[in-house]
Amino acid sequence: MGYQPERAALLEIVVRAAREAAAVIRAAAPRVRSIDWHAKSTMDFVSEVDLAAEERILAIAAAELPEAVILAEETAATTSPERVAAGLALVADPLDGTTNFLHGFPQYAVSIAVLEKGEPVAAVVLDAAHGELFTAIAGGGAFVDSVPIRVSTISDPRRALIGTGFPFKDEADIPPYQAQMSAVMPRVSGVRRPGSAALDLASVASGRFDAFWENLLSPWDFAAGMLLVREAGGLVTTLDGSHLRPIAPSAVLAGSPPMHAWLRATLAHESDER
């Protein structure tokens, strides 16, 4: 899947959409304590800011990509995987890390990817709190603020910093995750859970994390980040190493090639032990 000029045009569109969504988020940040928000489900929240940011993204998509199917967290989350995989699609999270944002914890982002037949071809993750702009085009590399990025060169787990995401929607998911953590933590230099999967994957792409895993993510959480990692020389798969497509919820495993292999084997061994 080589680089094509039209994909650069797609990237320009989603970067503009991400910047407009981030402007909404930044404007709301000073009044974060008074923002209206409610639970979508247990421990999963949406705010007026998420909705306003998504409106900006969808308005640009309607004007610039009217033929695209939309899979967006707040207003189009029920779009079927079959429709997303059929042709051109835009997958967007207007505010990845809503809970962080609502508490003033500066780890949240806008994440948008364009898919062609279920595969990401253009992606942006914009760190709304700090302004870093991560971009990628299939076959064209990955960048932060126009500077090329690559995954980590660390291959020794004892020197590795691993990113993860905690289960928070179903209590039944906590014990198996705790077992995974028990398998990983003693063997690495550290494990971090910042709370935004899009930024976690951007951290893998830029070598800040050596690997990352989470047992359940929605497509809008990882569609853009997975292209960043792949274009930065890394691997992104399911936990068992199967091909991953951002058209339906999935477990996600990402990392540099050696650390992806190590983390996959470590998690698989823990699963076999159970």
Foldseek 3Di string as FASTA:
>chain_A
DADDVVLVVVQVLVVVLFVQLLVLLVVCLVVLQPWDKDAPAFPHIDTPSQVVSVVSNVVSCCVPPVVAAECEDPPRVPPALCNNLPAKYKFWRSWFQVVCSSVVNQFIWIKMFIDGNQATAKIWTARSRPGWIWIFGVNGAIDTVNHGAAAAPDQQQQAFEEEEAADGRDPVVHVLVVLLCVLRVVRHVYYDYSRQLLVRLLCRLRHVGQKYWYAKDALNRPRRSQRSHVRNQKDKDALQRHHDGRSGIGIIIIHHVNVSVVSSVSSVVSVVVD
